């Protein structure tokens, strides 16, 4: 996935969630809840690390579980990793559905309960309508 494709995909999913916004933070596109709580940041070659990656909030225990299970895709990001955040490589193959789920989980990890419930009511099946992209959700993106 190219940086532009990644940003478009991440932006579409993040901004579909209740009371979210985007603005640069530390030079990277960052997504906020109610303009102040960060839940996702997209980094392209952060300090020369060579990765196109999403850094996202994660529920307790998810970081160690995912990094341990798939270190080629997941990593502990600098700075926020000590708080349990998860790094996700986007320069490899990751399914659109998996990426959307990670973003939704990041939102749920830090959003107020009322907003998490609003998101669930907005999408009671637990899946966002991403029909505007031309690949099946199960397709892997490279």
Protein backbone atom coordinates (compact mmCIF):
# COMPACT_ATOMS: atom_id res chain seq x y z
CA UNK A 1 0.00 0.00 0.00
CA UNK A 2 1.41 3.40 -0.89
CA UNK A 3 1.48 6.22 1.68
CA UNK A 4 -1.36 8.01 -0.15
CA UNK A 5 -3.47 4.85 -0.28
CA UNK A 6 -2.80 4.17 3.40
CA UNK A 7 -3.78 7.69 4.40
CA UNK A 8 -6.99 7.53 2.37
CA UNK A 9 -7.93 4.18 3.91
CA UNK A 10 -7.07 5.20 7.48
CA UNK A 11 -8.78 8.58 7.08
CA UNK A 12 -11.99 7.02 5.75
CA UNK A 13 -12.26 4.61 8.67
CA UNK A 14 -11.18 7.04 11.40
CA UNK A 15 -13.48 9.83 10.29
CA UNK A 16 -16.46 7.47 10.07
CA UNK A 17 -16.37 7.15 13.87
CA UNK A 18 -18.34 9.55 16.10
CA UNK A 19 -16.77 12.91 17.01
CA UNK A 20 -13.42 12.31 15.32
CA UNK A 21 -11.13 14.76 13.55
CA UNK A 22 -7.74 14.86 11.88
CA UNK A 23 -4.81 17.23 12.20
CA UNK A 24 -1.04 16.88 12.00
CA UNK A 25 0.78 16.13 15.22
CA UNK A 26 4.58 15.91 15.31
CA UNK A 27 4.50 16.03 11.50
CA UNK A 28 2.21 13.03 11.03
CA UNK A 29 -1.51 12.70 10.21
CA UNK A 30 -3.16 12.07 13.56
CA UNK A 31 -6.75 11.28 14.47
CA UNK A 32 -8.46 12.58 17.57
CA UNK A 33 -11.64 12.06 19.53
CA UNK A 34 -13.36 15.32 20.42
CA UNK A 35 -10.29 17.17 19.19
CA UNK A 36 -8.03 16.12 22.04
CA UNK A 37 -7.66 12.36 22.61
CA UNK A 38 -5.38 10.69 20.08
CA UNK A 39 -6.31 7.19 18.93
CA UNK A 40 -4.37 6.71 15.66
CA UNK A 41 -1.30 8.22 13.99
CA UNK A 42 0.03 7.34 10.54
CA UNK A 43 3.82 7.42 10.16
CA UNK A 44 5.81 7.16 6.95
CA UNK A 45 9.49 6.45 7.64
CA UNK A 46 9.39 7.83 11.19
CA UNK A 47 12.93 9.00 12.02
CA UNK A 48 14.24 6.83 9.18
CA UNK A 49 12.77 3.53 10.41
CA UNK A 50 11.81 2.57 6.83
CA UNK A 51 8.23 1.66 7.75
CA UNK A 52 4.85 2.86 6.62
CA UNK A 53 2.95 2.22 9.83
CA UNK A 54 -0.07 2.94 11.93
CA UNK A 55 0.44 3.58 15.63
CA UNK A 56 -2.78 2.97 17.51
CA UNK A 57 -4.17 2.76 20.98
CA UNK A 58 -4.81 -0.81 22.05
CA UNK A 59 -6.65 -2.62 24.81
CA UNK A 60 -4.52 -4.00 27.63
CA UNK A 61 -2.65 -7.12 26.55
CA UNK A 62 -3.24 -6.70 22.81
CA UNK A 63 0.20 -5.28 22.07
CA UNK A 64 2.12 -8.23 23.52
CA UNK A 65 -0.29 -10.78 22.04
CA UNK A 66 -0.14 -9.39 18.49
CA UNK A 67 3.58 -8.57 18.47
CA UNK A 68 4.31 -12.07 19.75
CA UNK A 69 2.03 -13.72 17.20
CA UNK A 70 3.01 -11.72 14.09
CA UNK A 71 6.19 -9.65 14.55
CA UNK A 72 6.44 -9.16 10.78
CA UNK A 73 3.25 -7.07 10.94
CA UNK A 74 3.06 -5.74 14.51
CA UNK A 75 5.66 -3.94 16.63
CA UNK A 76 6.05 -1.85 19.76
CA UNK A 77 6.20 1.77 18.57
CA UNK A 78 8.61 4.23 20.18
CA UNK A 79 7.31 6.74 22.74
CA UNK A 80 3.76 5.37 23.02
CA UNK A 81 4.61 1.66 23.09
CA UNK A 82 5.29 1.81 26.81
CA UNK A 83 1.63 2.82 27.23
CA UNK A 84 0.47 -0.30 25.39
CA UNK A 85 0.05 1.25 21.94
CA UNK A 86 0.48 -1.01 18.94
CA UNK A 87 2.50 -0.44 15.77
CA UNK A 88 1.09 -1.95 12.56
CA UNK A 89 3.14 -2.20 9.39
CA UNK A 90 1.21 -1.08 6.34
CA UNK A 91 4.06 -1.65 3.90
CA UNK A 92 3.41 -5.40 3.99
CA UNK A 93 0.19 -7.26 3.40
CA UNK A 94 -2.72 -6.52 5.73
CA UNK A 95 -6.39 -7.10 4.98
CA UNK A 96 -8.60 -4.02 4.73
CA UNK A 97 -10.99 -5.60 7.22
CA UNK A 98 -8.17 -6.21 9.71
CA UNK A 99 -6.94 -2.62 9.41
CA UNK A 100 -10.46 -1.27 9.90
CA UNK A 101 -10.89 -3.49 12.96
CA UNK A 102 -7.62 -2.26 14.49
CA UNK A 103 -8.71 1.36 14.02
CA UNK A 104 -12.13 0.65 15.54
CA UNK A 105 -10.48 -1.14 18.46
CA UNK A 106 -8.13 1.83 18.98
CA UNK A 107 -11.12 4.14 19.11
CA UNK A 108 -12.91 1.87 21.58
CA UNK A 109 -9.80 1.67 23.78
CA UNK A 110 -9.76 5.43 24.49
CA UNK A 111 -13.19 6.87 23.61
CA UNK A 112 -15.77 7.64 26.28
CA UNK A 113 -18.28 4.80 26.72
CA UNK A 114 -21.10 6.96 25.30
CA UNK A 115 -19.20 7.41 22.01
CA UNK A 116 -18.28 3.72 21.82
CA UNK A 117 -21.97 2.91 22.21
CA UNK A 118 -22.87 5.52 19.55
CA UNK A 119 -20.42 3.88 17.16
CA UNK A 120 -21.96 0.48 17.89
CA UNK A 121 -25.48 1.84 17.29
CA UNK A 122 -24.30 3.46 14.07
CA UNK A 123 -23.04 0.04 12.98
CA UNK A 124 -24.91 -2.66 14.94
CA UNK A 125 -23.37 -5.53 12.99
CA UNK A 126 -19.91 -4.42 14.07
CA UNK A 127 -18.77 -3.72 10.54
CA UNK A 128 -18.49 -0.38 8.79
CA UNK A 129 -19.73 -0.04 5.23
CA UNK A 130 -16.54 0.24 3.23
CA UNK A 131 -18.21 -0.63 -0.06
CA UNK A 132 -16.68 2.43 -1.68
CA UNK A 133 -13.41 0.59 -2.11
CA UNK A 134 -13.16 -1.82 -5.00
CA UNK A 135 -11.62 -4.81 -3.24
CA UNK A 136 -13.28 -7.46 -1.13
CA UNK A 137 -12.61 -7.04 2.58
CA UNK A 138 -10.82 -10.35 2.61
CA UNK A 139 -8.33 -9.23 -0.04
CA UNK A 140 -4.86 -8.54 1.26
CA UNK A 141 -3.37 -5.19 0.31
CA UNK A 142 0.26 -4.91 -0.66
